Each structure stands twice: as structure tokens, then as C-alpha cells.
N, C-alpha and C. Protein backbone atom coordinates (compact mmCIF):
# COMPACT_ATOMS: atom_id res chain seq x y z
N UNK A 1 0.83 -1.18 0.00
CA UNK A 1 0.00 0.00 0.00
C UNK A 1 0.88 1.25 0.00
N UNK A 2 0.47 2.24 -0.79
CA UNK A 2 1.17 3.52 -0.83
C UNK A 2 0.13 4.62 -0.60
N UNK A 3 0.26 5.35 0.48
CA UNK A 3 -0.73 6.35 0.86
C UNK A 3 -0.24 7.75 0.52
N UNK A 4 -1.14 8.55 -0.07
CA UNK A 4 -0.87 9.96 -0.35
C UNK A 4 -1.90 10.80 0.39
N UNK A 5 -1.50 11.99 0.79
CA UNK A 5 -2.42 12.89 1.47
C UNK A 5 -2.32 14.25 0.79
N UNK A 6 -3.35 14.64 0.05
CA UNK A 6 -3.35 15.93 -0.63
C UNK A 6 -4.79 16.38 -0.85
N UNK A 7 -4.96 17.65 -1.16
CA UNK A 7 -6.27 18.25 -1.36
C UNK A 7 -6.62 18.18 -2.84
N UNK A 8 -7.67 17.44 -3.19
CA UNK A 8 -8.04 17.29 -4.60
C UNK A 8 -8.48 18.62 -5.22
N UNK A 9 -8.78 19.61 -4.40
CA UNK A 9 -9.19 20.93 -4.92
C UNK A 9 -7.99 21.74 -5.39
N UNK A 10 -6.80 21.29 -5.09
CA UNK A 10 -5.57 22.00 -5.42
C UNK A 10 -4.90 21.29 -6.60
N UNK A 11 -5.06 21.87 -7.79
CA UNK A 11 -4.57 21.20 -8.99
C UNK A 11 -3.06 20.95 -8.95
N UNK A 12 -2.31 21.90 -8.41
CA UNK A 12 -0.85 21.72 -8.31
C UNK A 12 -0.51 20.55 -7.39
N UNK A 13 -1.24 20.42 -6.28
CA UNK A 13 -1.00 19.31 -5.35
C UNK A 13 -1.35 17.98 -5.99
N UNK A 14 -2.43 17.96 -6.77
CA UNK A 14 -2.83 16.73 -7.47
C UNK A 14 -1.74 16.32 -8.45
N UNK A 15 -1.30 17.27 -9.28
CA UNK A 15 -0.25 16.96 -10.27
C UNK A 15 1.01 16.45 -9.59
N UNK A 16 1.41 17.11 -8.51
CA UNK A 16 2.61 16.70 -7.79
C UNK A 16 2.48 15.29 -7.24
N UNK A 17 1.32 14.98 -6.65
CA UNK A 17 1.11 13.65 -6.06
C UNK A 17 1.19 12.56 -7.13
N UNK A 18 0.58 12.80 -8.27
CA UNK A 18 0.52 11.77 -9.31
C UNK A 18 1.86 11.64 -10.03
N UNK A 19 2.52 12.75 -10.31
CA UNK A 19 3.77 12.68 -11.08
C UNK A 19 4.96 12.21 -10.24
N UNK A 20 4.82 12.21 -8.92
CA UNK A 20 5.93 11.76 -8.06
C UNK A 20 5.67 10.40 -7.43
N UNK A 21 4.69 9.68 -7.97
CA UNK A 21 4.46 8.32 -7.47
C UNK A 21 5.70 7.45 -7.70
N UNK A 22 6.02 6.58 -6.74
CA UNK A 22 7.13 5.64 -6.98
C UNK A 22 6.84 4.80 -8.22
N UNK A 23 7.88 4.35 -8.87
CA UNK A 23 7.74 3.65 -10.15
C UNK A 23 6.75 2.49 -10.09
N UNK A 24 6.78 1.74 -8.99
CA UNK A 24 5.89 0.56 -8.90
C UNK A 24 4.42 0.93 -8.73
N UNK A 25 4.13 2.20 -8.44
CA UNK A 25 2.75 2.66 -8.27
C UNK A 25 2.32 3.61 -9.39
N UNK A 26 3.22 3.93 -10.30
CA UNK A 26 2.95 4.99 -11.28
C UNK A 26 1.88 4.62 -12.30
N UNK A 27 1.75 3.34 -12.65
CA UNK A 27 0.74 2.92 -13.62
C UNK A 27 -0.55 2.60 -12.88
N UNK A 28 -1.42 3.58 -12.79
CA UNK A 28 -2.68 3.43 -12.06
C UNK A 28 -3.67 2.65 -12.94
N UNK A 29 -4.14 1.52 -12.43
CA UNK A 29 -5.09 0.68 -13.17
C UNK A 29 -6.54 1.08 -12.90
N UNK A 30 -6.82 1.46 -11.65
CA UNK A 30 -8.19 1.80 -11.26
C UNK A 30 -8.16 3.13 -10.52
N UNK A 31 -8.95 4.07 -11.00
CA UNK A 31 -9.11 5.36 -10.33
C UNK A 31 -10.52 5.43 -9.78
N UNK A 32 -10.64 5.62 -8.46
CA UNK A 32 -11.96 5.80 -7.84
C UNK A 32 -12.05 7.23 -7.35
N UNK A 33 -12.85 8.02 -8.05
CA UNK A 33 -13.09 9.41 -7.64
C UNK A 33 -14.20 9.41 -6.60
N UNK A 34 -13.78 9.44 -5.33
CA UNK A 34 -14.71 9.30 -4.22
C UNK A 34 -14.81 10.57 -3.38
N UNK A 35 -13.90 11.53 -3.59
CA UNK A 35 -13.93 12.76 -2.79
C UNK A 35 -15.19 13.54 -3.15
N UNK A 36 -15.98 13.85 -2.15
CA UNK A 36 -17.21 14.60 -2.39
C UNK A 36 -17.86 14.96 -1.08
N UNK A 37 -18.67 16.00 -1.12
CA UNK A 37 -19.35 16.44 0.11
C UNK A 37 -20.55 17.32 -0.23
N UNK A 38 -21.43 17.41 0.74
CA UNK A 38 -22.53 18.37 0.71
C UNK A 38 -22.36 19.26 1.92
N UNK A 39 -22.58 20.56 1.75
CA UNK A 39 -22.46 21.51 2.86
C UNK A 39 -23.68 22.41 2.84
N UNK A 40 -24.39 22.44 3.98
CA UNK A 40 -25.53 23.33 4.11
C UNK A 40 -26.76 22.83 3.38
N UNK A 41 -27.90 23.36 3.80
CA UNK A 41 -29.18 23.06 3.15
C UNK A 41 -30.00 24.34 3.15
N UNK A 42 -29.92 25.06 2.06
CA UNK A 42 -30.64 26.33 1.92
C UNK A 42 -31.24 26.42 0.53
N UNK A 43 -32.20 27.31 0.38
CA UNK A 43 -32.67 27.66 -0.95
C UNK A 43 -31.58 28.46 -1.65
N UNK A 44 -31.66 28.56 -2.96
CA UNK A 44 -30.67 29.34 -3.71
C UNK A 44 -30.61 30.77 -3.20
N UNK A 45 -31.77 31.36 -2.96
CA UNK A 45 -31.79 32.77 -2.56
C UNK A 45 -31.21 33.01 -1.17
N UNK A 46 -31.09 31.96 -0.38
CA UNK A 46 -30.49 32.09 0.95
C UNK A 46 -29.17 31.34 1.08
N UNK A 47 -28.67 30.82 -0.03
CA UNK A 47 -27.48 29.98 0.01
C UNK A 47 -26.22 30.72 0.41
N UNK A 48 -25.30 29.98 1.00
CA UNK A 48 -24.00 30.49 1.40
C UNK A 48 -23.02 30.21 0.25
N UNK A 49 -22.52 31.26 -0.38
CA UNK A 49 -21.66 31.06 -1.55
C UNK A 49 -20.36 30.36 -1.21
N UNK A 50 -19.91 30.47 0.04
CA UNK A 50 -18.71 29.71 0.45
C UNK A 50 -19.01 28.21 0.42
N UNK A 51 -20.22 27.82 0.85
CA UNK A 51 -20.62 26.42 0.77
C UNK A 51 -20.66 25.96 -0.68
N UNK A 52 -21.19 26.81 -1.56
CA UNK A 52 -21.27 26.45 -2.98
C UNK A 52 -19.88 26.19 -3.54
N UNK A 53 -18.96 27.10 -3.25
CA UNK A 53 -17.61 26.96 -3.79
C UNK A 53 -16.93 25.69 -3.29
N UNK A 54 -17.15 25.37 -2.02
CA UNK A 54 -16.54 24.16 -1.45
C UNK A 54 -17.05 22.91 -2.16
N UNK A 55 -18.36 22.87 -2.42
CA UNK A 55 -18.94 21.72 -3.11
C UNK A 55 -18.47 21.64 -4.56
N UNK A 56 -18.49 22.76 -5.25
CA UNK A 56 -18.07 22.78 -6.66
C UNK A 56 -16.59 22.42 -6.78
N UNK A 57 -15.77 23.00 -5.89
CA UNK A 57 -14.33 22.74 -5.96
C UNK A 57 -14.00 21.27 -5.66
N UNK A 58 -14.72 20.67 -4.72
CA UNK A 58 -14.44 19.27 -4.36
C UNK A 58 -15.09 18.29 -5.33
N UNK A 59 -16.39 18.45 -5.53
CA UNK A 59 -17.17 17.45 -6.25
C UNK A 59 -16.94 17.46 -7.75
N UNK A 60 -16.67 18.64 -8.31
CA UNK A 60 -16.47 18.73 -9.77
C UNK A 60 -15.00 18.93 -10.10
N UNK A 61 -14.42 20.01 -9.60
CA UNK A 61 -13.04 20.32 -9.99
C UNK A 61 -12.06 19.28 -9.45
N UNK A 62 -12.29 18.77 -8.24
CA UNK A 62 -11.42 17.73 -7.70
C UNK A 62 -11.44 16.49 -8.57
N UNK A 63 -12.64 16.07 -8.97
CA UNK A 63 -12.77 14.91 -9.86
C UNK A 63 -12.03 15.17 -11.17
N UNK A 64 -12.20 16.37 -11.72
CA UNK A 64 -11.54 16.71 -12.98
C UNK A 64 -10.02 16.71 -12.85
N UNK A 65 -9.52 17.34 -11.79
CA UNK A 65 -8.06 17.43 -11.61
C UNK A 65 -7.41 16.05 -11.49
N UNK A 66 -8.01 15.19 -10.67
CA UNK A 66 -7.42 13.86 -10.46
C UNK A 66 -7.54 13.03 -11.75
N UNK A 67 -8.69 13.11 -12.39
CA UNK A 67 -8.87 12.36 -13.64
C UNK A 67 -7.89 12.83 -14.71
N UNK A 68 -7.72 14.13 -14.80
CA UNK A 68 -6.78 14.69 -15.80
C UNK A 68 -5.35 14.23 -15.54
N UNK A 69 -5.01 14.07 -14.28
CA UNK A 69 -3.65 13.64 -13.93
C UNK A 69 -3.42 12.15 -14.19
N UNK A 70 -4.45 11.34 -14.00
CA UNK A 70 -4.29 9.87 -14.08
C UNK A 70 -4.65 9.31 -15.45
N UNK A 71 -5.66 9.88 -16.10
CA UNK A 71 -6.21 9.28 -17.31
C UNK A 71 -5.24 9.17 -18.49
N UNK A 72 -4.34 10.14 -18.73
CA UNK A 72 -3.43 9.98 -19.86
C UNK A 72 -2.61 8.70 -19.81
N UNK A 73 -2.20 8.28 -18.63
CA UNK A 73 -1.46 7.02 -18.51
C UNK A 73 -2.30 5.84 -18.91
N UNK A 74 -3.57 5.83 -18.51
CA UNK A 74 -4.47 4.75 -18.90
C UNK A 74 -4.64 4.72 -20.41
N UNK A 75 -4.84 5.92 -20.98
CA UNK A 75 -5.04 6.01 -22.43
C UNK A 75 -3.80 5.50 -23.17
N UNK A 76 -2.63 5.88 -22.71
CA UNK A 76 -1.38 5.43 -23.35
C UNK A 76 -1.22 3.92 -23.28
N UNK A 77 -1.63 3.33 -22.15
CA UNK A 77 -1.52 1.88 -21.97
C UNK A 77 -2.71 1.13 -22.55
N UNK A 78 -3.75 1.91 -22.95
CA UNK A 78 -5.00 1.35 -23.47
C UNK A 78 -5.62 0.36 -22.47
N UNK A 79 -5.57 0.76 -21.22
CA UNK A 79 -6.09 -0.09 -20.15
C UNK A 79 -6.34 0.76 -18.91
N UNK A 80 -7.47 0.52 -18.27
CA UNK A 80 -7.76 1.22 -17.03
C UNK A 80 -9.25 1.30 -16.77
N UNK A 81 -9.58 1.68 -15.56
CA UNK A 81 -10.98 1.78 -15.15
C UNK A 81 -11.14 3.00 -14.27
N UNK A 82 -12.01 3.91 -14.67
CA UNK A 82 -12.35 5.09 -13.88
C UNK A 82 -13.72 4.86 -13.26
N UNK A 83 -13.78 4.98 -11.94
CA UNK A 83 -15.06 4.84 -11.23
C UNK A 83 -15.34 6.16 -10.52
N UNK A 84 -16.44 6.78 -10.88
CA UNK A 84 -16.88 8.01 -10.24
C UNK A 84 -18.02 7.70 -9.28
N UNK A 85 -17.84 8.10 -8.03
CA UNK A 85 -18.92 7.92 -7.06
C UNK A 85 -19.85 9.12 -7.16
N UNK A 86 -20.99 8.87 -7.73
CA UNK A 86 -22.01 9.90 -7.88
C UNK A 86 -22.97 9.87 -6.72
N UNK A 87 -24.25 10.01 -7.01
CA UNK A 87 -25.26 10.03 -5.96
C UNK A 87 -26.64 9.99 -6.60
N UNK A 88 -27.62 9.57 -5.82
CA UNK A 88 -29.01 9.70 -6.28
C UNK A 88 -29.30 11.18 -6.54
N UNK A 89 -28.55 12.07 -5.89
CA UNK A 89 -28.70 13.51 -6.11
C UNK A 89 -28.26 13.93 -7.51
N UNK A 90 -27.58 13.05 -8.22
CA UNK A 90 -27.24 13.30 -9.61
C UNK A 90 -28.29 12.80 -10.58
N UNK A 91 -29.33 12.18 -10.03
CA UNK A 91 -30.44 11.68 -10.85
C UNK A 91 -31.73 12.46 -10.56
N UNK A 92 -31.84 13.00 -9.38
CA UNK A 92 -33.02 13.75 -8.95
C UNK A 92 -32.56 15.04 -8.26
N UNK A 93 -33.44 16.02 -8.23
CA UNK A 93 -33.18 17.24 -7.47
C UNK A 93 -34.22 17.29 -6.35
N UNK A 94 -33.75 17.60 -5.14
CA UNK A 94 -34.66 17.62 -4.00
C UNK A 94 -34.57 18.95 -3.27
N UNK A 95 -35.57 19.29 -2.46
CA UNK A 95 -35.56 20.58 -1.77
C UNK A 95 -34.30 20.79 -0.94
N UNK A 96 -33.74 21.97 -1.04
CA UNK A 96 -32.55 22.41 -0.30
C UNK A 96 -31.28 21.69 -0.71
N UNK A 97 -31.33 20.94 -1.80
CA UNK A 97 -30.13 20.24 -2.26
C UNK A 97 -29.56 20.84 -3.53
N UNK A 98 -30.03 22.02 -3.91
CA UNK A 98 -29.78 22.63 -5.22
C UNK A 98 -28.35 22.50 -5.75
N UNK A 99 -27.37 23.10 -5.07
CA UNK A 99 -26.00 23.11 -5.60
C UNK A 99 -25.35 21.73 -5.48
N UNK A 100 -25.61 21.03 -4.37
CA UNK A 100 -25.08 19.67 -4.26
C UNK A 100 -25.62 18.81 -5.39
N UNK A 101 -26.93 18.87 -5.63
CA UNK A 101 -27.52 18.10 -6.73
C UNK A 101 -26.89 18.50 -8.06
N UNK A 102 -26.65 19.79 -8.26
CA UNK A 102 -26.02 20.25 -9.51
C UNK A 102 -24.63 19.65 -9.67
N UNK A 103 -23.86 19.57 -8.59
CA UNK A 103 -22.51 19.00 -8.70
C UNK A 103 -22.59 17.51 -9.02
N UNK A 104 -23.56 16.82 -8.47
CA UNK A 104 -23.66 15.38 -8.75
C UNK A 104 -24.26 15.12 -10.13
N UNK A 105 -25.10 16.04 -10.64
CA UNK A 105 -25.51 15.94 -12.04
C UNK A 105 -24.30 16.13 -12.94
N UNK A 106 -23.37 16.99 -12.53
CA UNK A 106 -22.13 17.18 -13.29
C UNK A 106 -21.31 15.89 -13.30
N UNK A 107 -21.24 15.19 -12.17
CA UNK A 107 -20.52 13.91 -12.12
C UNK A 107 -21.15 12.93 -13.11
N UNK A 108 -22.47 12.90 -13.16
CA UNK A 108 -23.18 12.03 -14.09
C UNK A 108 -22.78 12.36 -15.53
N UNK A 109 -22.80 13.65 -15.87
CA UNK A 109 -22.45 14.08 -17.23
C UNK A 109 -20.98 13.81 -17.54
N UNK A 110 -20.10 14.10 -16.59
CA UNK A 110 -18.67 13.88 -16.81
C UNK A 110 -18.34 12.40 -16.99
N UNK A 111 -19.04 11.54 -16.26
CA UNK A 111 -18.82 10.10 -16.43
C UNK A 111 -19.13 9.68 -17.86
N UNK A 112 -20.25 10.17 -18.38
CA UNK A 112 -20.62 9.86 -19.78
C UNK A 112 -19.59 10.43 -20.74
N UNK A 113 -19.13 11.65 -20.46
CA UNK A 113 -18.17 12.30 -21.35
C UNK A 113 -16.82 11.58 -21.35
N UNK A 114 -16.37 11.16 -20.18
CA UNK A 114 -15.09 10.43 -20.10
C UNK A 114 -15.19 9.12 -20.88
N UNK A 115 -16.33 8.46 -20.77
CA UNK A 115 -16.53 7.21 -21.50
C UNK A 115 -16.46 7.46 -23.01
N UNK A 116 -17.10 8.53 -23.47
CA UNK A 116 -17.07 8.87 -24.90
C UNK A 116 -15.63 9.17 -25.34
N UNK A 117 -14.93 9.95 -24.52
CA UNK A 117 -13.58 10.39 -24.89
C UNK A 117 -12.56 9.26 -24.91
N UNK A 118 -12.82 8.18 -24.20
CA UNK A 118 -11.81 7.12 -24.06
C UNK A 118 -12.26 5.76 -24.57
N UNK A 119 -13.43 5.69 -25.18
CA UNK A 119 -13.94 4.38 -25.62
C UNK A 119 -13.01 3.73 -26.65
N UNK A 120 -12.38 4.53 -27.50
CA UNK A 120 -11.49 3.96 -28.53
C UNK A 120 -10.23 3.36 -27.92
N UNK A 121 -9.89 3.77 -26.72
CA UNK A 121 -8.71 3.20 -26.04
C UNK A 121 -9.08 2.06 -25.09
N UNK A 122 -10.37 1.70 -25.03
CA UNK A 122 -10.80 0.57 -24.22
C UNK A 122 -10.83 0.84 -22.72
N UNK A 123 -10.94 2.11 -22.34
CA UNK A 123 -11.00 2.45 -20.91
C UNK A 123 -12.41 2.20 -20.40
N UNK A 124 -12.51 1.53 -19.28
CA UNK A 124 -13.82 1.34 -18.64
C UNK A 124 -14.13 2.57 -17.78
N UNK A 125 -15.38 3.00 -17.83
CA UNK A 125 -15.80 4.16 -17.04
C UNK A 125 -17.16 3.84 -16.44
N UNK A 126 -17.23 3.97 -15.12
CA UNK A 126 -18.42 3.58 -14.36
C UNK A 126 -18.82 4.68 -13.39
N UNK A 127 -20.11 4.91 -13.30
CA UNK A 127 -20.62 5.74 -12.20
C UNK A 127 -21.41 4.85 -11.25
N UNK A 128 -21.13 4.99 -9.96
CA UNK A 128 -21.93 4.33 -8.93
C UNK A 128 -22.62 5.43 -8.14
N UNK A 129 -23.94 5.38 -8.13
CA UNK A 129 -24.75 6.46 -7.55
C UNK A 129 -25.54 5.93 -6.36
N UNK A 130 -25.03 6.11 -5.15
CA UNK A 130 -25.74 5.60 -3.97
C UNK A 130 -26.85 6.53 -3.50
N UNK A 131 -27.79 5.91 -2.79
CA UNK A 131 -28.76 6.66 -2.00
C UNK A 131 -28.16 6.93 -0.63
N UNK A 132 -28.95 6.74 0.41
CA UNK A 132 -28.50 7.07 1.77
C UNK A 132 -27.45 6.08 2.26
N UNK A 133 -26.24 6.60 2.48
CA UNK A 133 -25.14 5.80 3.03
C UNK A 133 -24.72 6.45 4.34
N UNK A 134 -24.66 5.67 5.41
CA UNK A 134 -24.28 6.23 6.72
C UNK A 134 -22.77 6.38 6.80
N UNK A 135 -22.33 7.61 6.57
CA UNK A 135 -20.91 7.98 6.68
C UNK A 135 -20.86 9.33 7.40
N UNK A 136 -19.74 10.03 7.26
CA UNK A 136 -19.63 11.37 7.84
C UNK A 136 -20.35 12.40 6.98
N UNK A 137 -21.00 11.98 5.90
CA UNK A 137 -21.65 12.86 4.94
C UNK A 137 -22.59 13.86 5.62
N UNK A 138 -23.50 13.37 6.45
CA UNK A 138 -24.48 14.26 7.07
C UNK A 138 -23.85 15.16 8.13
N UNK A 139 -22.82 14.68 8.81
CA UNK A 139 -22.11 15.53 9.79
C UNK A 139 -21.50 16.74 9.07
N UNK A 140 -20.93 16.50 7.89
CA UNK A 140 -20.36 17.59 7.10
C UNK A 140 -21.47 18.51 6.61
N UNK A 141 -22.54 17.91 6.07
CA UNK A 141 -23.65 18.74 5.54
C UNK A 141 -24.20 19.67 6.61
N UNK A 142 -24.33 19.16 7.83
CA UNK A 142 -24.89 19.96 8.92
C UNK A 142 -23.82 20.62 9.77
N UNK A 143 -22.63 20.72 9.21
CA UNK A 143 -21.52 21.49 9.80
C UNK A 143 -21.21 21.10 11.24
N UNK A 144 -21.14 19.78 11.46
CA UNK A 144 -20.74 19.27 12.77
C UNK A 144 -21.87 19.00 13.74
N UNK A 145 -23.10 19.27 13.35
CA UNK A 145 -24.26 19.02 14.23
C UNK A 145 -24.58 17.52 14.19
N UNK A 146 -23.93 16.78 15.09
CA UNK A 146 -24.02 15.31 15.05
C UNK A 146 -25.45 14.83 15.32
N UNK A 147 -26.16 15.50 16.22
CA UNK A 147 -27.53 15.09 16.54
C UNK A 147 -28.42 15.18 15.31
N UNK A 148 -28.31 16.29 14.59
CA UNK A 148 -29.10 16.46 13.37
C UNK A 148 -28.67 15.44 12.32
N UNK A 149 -27.37 15.21 12.21
CA UNK A 149 -26.84 14.25 11.24
C UNK A 149 -27.35 12.83 11.55
N UNK A 150 -27.31 12.44 12.81
CA UNK A 150 -27.75 11.09 13.20
C UNK A 150 -29.23 10.88 12.89
N UNK A 151 -30.03 11.94 12.97
CA UNK A 151 -31.48 11.82 12.75
C UNK A 151 -31.79 11.42 11.30
N UNK A 152 -30.86 11.70 10.38
CA UNK A 152 -31.07 11.37 8.97
C UNK A 152 -31.24 9.86 8.79
N UNK A 153 -30.51 9.08 9.59
CA UNK A 153 -30.47 7.63 9.40
C UNK A 153 -31.34 6.86 10.41
N UNK A 154 -32.13 7.58 11.18
CA UNK A 154 -32.98 6.90 12.18
C UNK A 154 -34.23 6.31 11.53
N UNK A 155 -34.60 5.13 11.98
CA UNK A 155 -35.85 4.53 11.55
C UNK A 155 -35.74 3.63 10.33
N UNK A 156 -34.54 3.48 9.78
CA UNK A 156 -34.36 2.56 8.64
C UNK A 156 -32.90 2.13 8.60
N UNK A 157 -32.64 1.08 7.83
CA UNK A 157 -31.27 0.58 7.68
C UNK A 157 -30.65 1.21 6.43
N UNK A 158 -29.73 2.16 6.59
CA UNK A 158 -29.10 2.78 5.43
C UNK A 158 -28.07 1.84 4.82
N UNK A 159 -27.54 2.24 3.70
CA UNK A 159 -26.37 1.55 3.16
C UNK A 159 -25.17 1.85 4.05
N UNK A 160 -24.16 0.99 3.96
CA UNK A 160 -22.92 1.18 4.71
C UNK A 160 -21.76 1.27 3.71
N UNK A 161 -20.66 1.88 4.09
CA UNK A 161 -19.53 1.99 3.16
C UNK A 161 -19.12 0.65 2.54
N UNK A 162 -19.22 -0.42 3.32
CA UNK A 162 -18.86 -1.75 2.82
C UNK A 162 -19.75 -2.17 1.64
N UNK A 163 -21.01 -1.74 1.67
CA UNK A 163 -21.93 -2.07 0.56
C UNK A 163 -21.44 -1.45 -0.74
N UNK A 164 -20.99 -0.21 -0.65
CA UNK A 164 -20.50 0.48 -1.85
C UNK A 164 -19.18 -0.15 -2.30
N UNK A 165 -18.33 -0.51 -1.34
CA UNK A 165 -17.06 -1.14 -1.67
C UNK A 165 -17.28 -2.46 -2.42
N UNK A 166 -18.30 -3.22 -2.01
CA UNK A 166 -18.59 -4.48 -2.69
C UNK A 166 -19.02 -4.25 -4.13
N UNK A 167 -19.80 -3.20 -4.36
CA UNK A 167 -20.24 -2.89 -5.72
C UNK A 167 -19.06 -2.45 -6.57
N UNK A 168 -18.17 -1.63 -5.99
CA UNK A 168 -16.96 -1.21 -6.70
C UNK A 168 -16.13 -2.43 -7.07
N UNK A 169 -15.95 -3.34 -6.12
CA UNK A 169 -15.17 -4.55 -6.39
C UNK A 169 -15.80 -5.35 -7.52
N UNK A 170 -17.13 -5.52 -7.47
CA UNK A 170 -17.82 -6.25 -8.52
C UNK A 170 -17.59 -5.60 -9.88
N UNK A 171 -17.72 -4.28 -9.95
CA UNK A 171 -17.56 -3.57 -11.22
C UNK A 171 -16.15 -3.74 -11.78
N UNK A 172 -15.17 -3.79 -10.89
CA UNK A 172 -13.77 -3.87 -11.35
C UNK A 172 -13.32 -5.29 -11.66
N UNK A 173 -14.15 -6.28 -11.36
CA UNK A 173 -13.75 -7.67 -11.60
C UNK A 173 -14.55 -8.34 -12.71
N UNK A 174 -15.29 -7.55 -13.47
CA UNK A 174 -16.00 -8.10 -14.63
C UNK A 174 -15.00 -8.44 -15.73
N UNK A 175 -15.38 -9.31 -16.66
CA UNK A 175 -14.49 -9.63 -17.78
C UNK A 175 -14.15 -8.38 -18.59
N UNK A 176 -13.05 -8.40 -19.35
CA UNK A 176 -12.61 -7.22 -20.11
C UNK A 176 -13.67 -6.67 -21.07
N UNK A 177 -14.57 -7.52 -21.56
CA UNK A 177 -15.56 -7.07 -22.53
C UNK A 177 -16.83 -6.51 -21.89
N UNK A 178 -16.88 -6.46 -20.55
CA UNK A 178 -18.09 -6.01 -19.86
C UNK A 178 -17.80 -4.81 -18.97
N UNK A 179 -18.68 -3.83 -19.01
CA UNK A 179 -18.53 -2.63 -18.18
C UNK A 179 -19.89 -2.22 -17.64
N UNK A 180 -19.93 -1.86 -16.37
CA UNK A 180 -21.13 -1.24 -15.80
C UNK A 180 -20.99 0.26 -16.05
N UNK A 181 -21.87 0.80 -16.87
CA UNK A 181 -21.83 2.23 -17.15
C UNK A 181 -22.35 3.05 -15.97
N UNK A 182 -23.48 2.63 -15.43
CA UNK A 182 -24.16 3.45 -14.44
C UNK A 182 -24.94 2.53 -13.51
N UNK A 183 -24.73 2.67 -12.22
CA UNK A 183 -25.40 1.80 -11.26
C UNK A 183 -25.92 2.64 -10.10
N UNK A 184 -27.23 2.60 -9.89
CA UNK A 184 -27.85 3.26 -8.73
C UNK A 184 -28.07 2.20 -7.67
N UNK A 185 -27.59 2.45 -6.46
CA UNK A 185 -27.77 1.51 -5.35
C UNK A 185 -28.41 2.26 -4.18
N UNK A 186 -29.49 1.69 -3.67
CA UNK A 186 -30.26 2.33 -2.60
C UNK A 186 -30.46 1.35 -1.45
N UNK A 187 -30.67 1.87 -0.25
CA UNK A 187 -31.15 0.98 0.82
C UNK A 187 -32.51 0.42 0.41
N UNK A 188 -32.83 -0.76 0.88
CA UNK A 188 -34.13 -1.35 0.56
C UNK A 188 -35.27 -0.43 0.99
N UNK A 189 -35.05 0.35 2.03
CA UNK A 189 -36.08 1.24 2.57
C UNK A 189 -36.19 2.56 1.82
N UNK A 190 -35.42 2.75 0.76
CA UNK A 190 -35.43 4.03 0.04
C UNK A 190 -35.92 3.83 -1.38
N UNK A 191 -36.98 4.56 -1.75
CA UNK A 191 -37.55 4.46 -3.09
C UNK A 191 -37.07 5.56 -4.02
N UNK A 192 -36.70 6.70 -3.47
CA UNK A 192 -36.20 7.83 -4.26
C UNK A 192 -35.36 8.70 -3.33
N UNK A 193 -34.88 9.82 -3.84
CA UNK A 193 -34.06 10.70 -3.01
C UNK A 193 -34.79 11.14 -1.76
N UNK A 194 -36.10 11.28 -1.84
CA UNK A 194 -36.86 11.83 -0.70
C UNK A 194 -37.88 10.88 -0.09
N UNK A 195 -38.05 9.70 -0.66
CA UNK A 195 -39.07 8.77 -0.13
C UNK A 195 -38.37 7.60 0.55
N UNK A 196 -38.50 7.59 1.88
CA UNK A 196 -37.90 6.52 2.69
C UNK A 196 -38.97 5.94 3.61
N UNK A 197 -38.86 4.64 3.85
CA UNK A 197 -39.75 3.97 4.79
C UNK A 197 -39.07 3.97 6.16
N UNK A 198 -39.39 4.97 6.95
CA UNK A 198 -38.82 5.08 8.30
C UNK A 198 -39.84 4.54 9.29
N UNK A 199 -39.46 3.43 9.94
CA UNK A 199 -40.38 2.79 10.86
C UNK A 199 -40.49 3.51 12.18
């Protein structure tokens, strides 16, 4: 294992991290763009522009910077798999989710665009779009208000990080001629972005 610690929002840091990988790690076979967050829940007219910038810089520009740094190597080798972790928020728009939903719609569009741009080189490109997953996501969205964050997952069994990891593993172990383009995964108790069966 080789661990790097850098801010995906900083293009120079991304380039430095990727270009200085040790030789045995330099040929990246699988890129999982998982950095993402939601901050705040307001209408557009009451939105905090600092929150908007943080989401746009992380969810869109971070994905672009890392992909731009890694993808040329895959294209040159004519081999590789890019997995973008999207969200049900990239398929639907819900109240107070405006800018976050917009960033995840961008992930959906960019996944399709990357696939188009690299199909001739045989690069696999997959989007995995989860519904409610119990992670630090809600703590970040509610700016550290753990009680409010915990209430999001009360009354039903959400997805867990391990569930998403299993889907990623499945997608990356398909035969060379098979690719999952787009996969939405939800808790059994979730029918849409806003409809949950909370007991």
C-alpha cells in the first residue's frame, strides 16, 4: 500500500502527487473518484456562496483534476478503469439540495463524457450512484451538528460503506468485454431521493 495525502481541490498538489508516485505505483489501473461532500441546506436565494464553492471545488473540480492527472497514462496503456462515485442527487433534485444536486448531475455528465472520450482506447468508465449511506456525509452537511446528522439515518437501515465497496469490487472484476456504465444503489427502505420507509 502507498498512501498519499493531498487536497483534490488543489490542482498543483494533485499533479505533484501523481507525477511523483514511486515507479511501482505509477501505472494506475483503477481510479476511484470518491472525494465529495454536501455543505448546508438552503434555498438558492439564501445559500452560502462559500458552501457552494466548497462543493463545486471538491465534487467537480477535484474529480476533474485527479482524472486529468491519471487518465493519460491509462489512455497510453490502453487499459484502465475510472469509477466516479455519484449520488441519487445526480439523478433527482430535491428541496434544499440545489447546488449539491447540480454537482452530482455534473458527475453524471462527466462520467458519460469520459466514456465517450476514451472508448477507442478501451478504458472502462463507471458511475456508482448511492442513495442514503451512513458515513460522515451528514455531519459535514450539517456542519458538525451530530444530533441532526444522526437523525437522517434513524428509523431505517441505510447503506454502509462496505456495501458500496462491494459494488466497486464487482464492477472492477467483470471480464474485459463487460462494463457497468451506471449503477444506482439504494437501501431497501429508500424508493427515491426523498421517499424513505422510516419505521
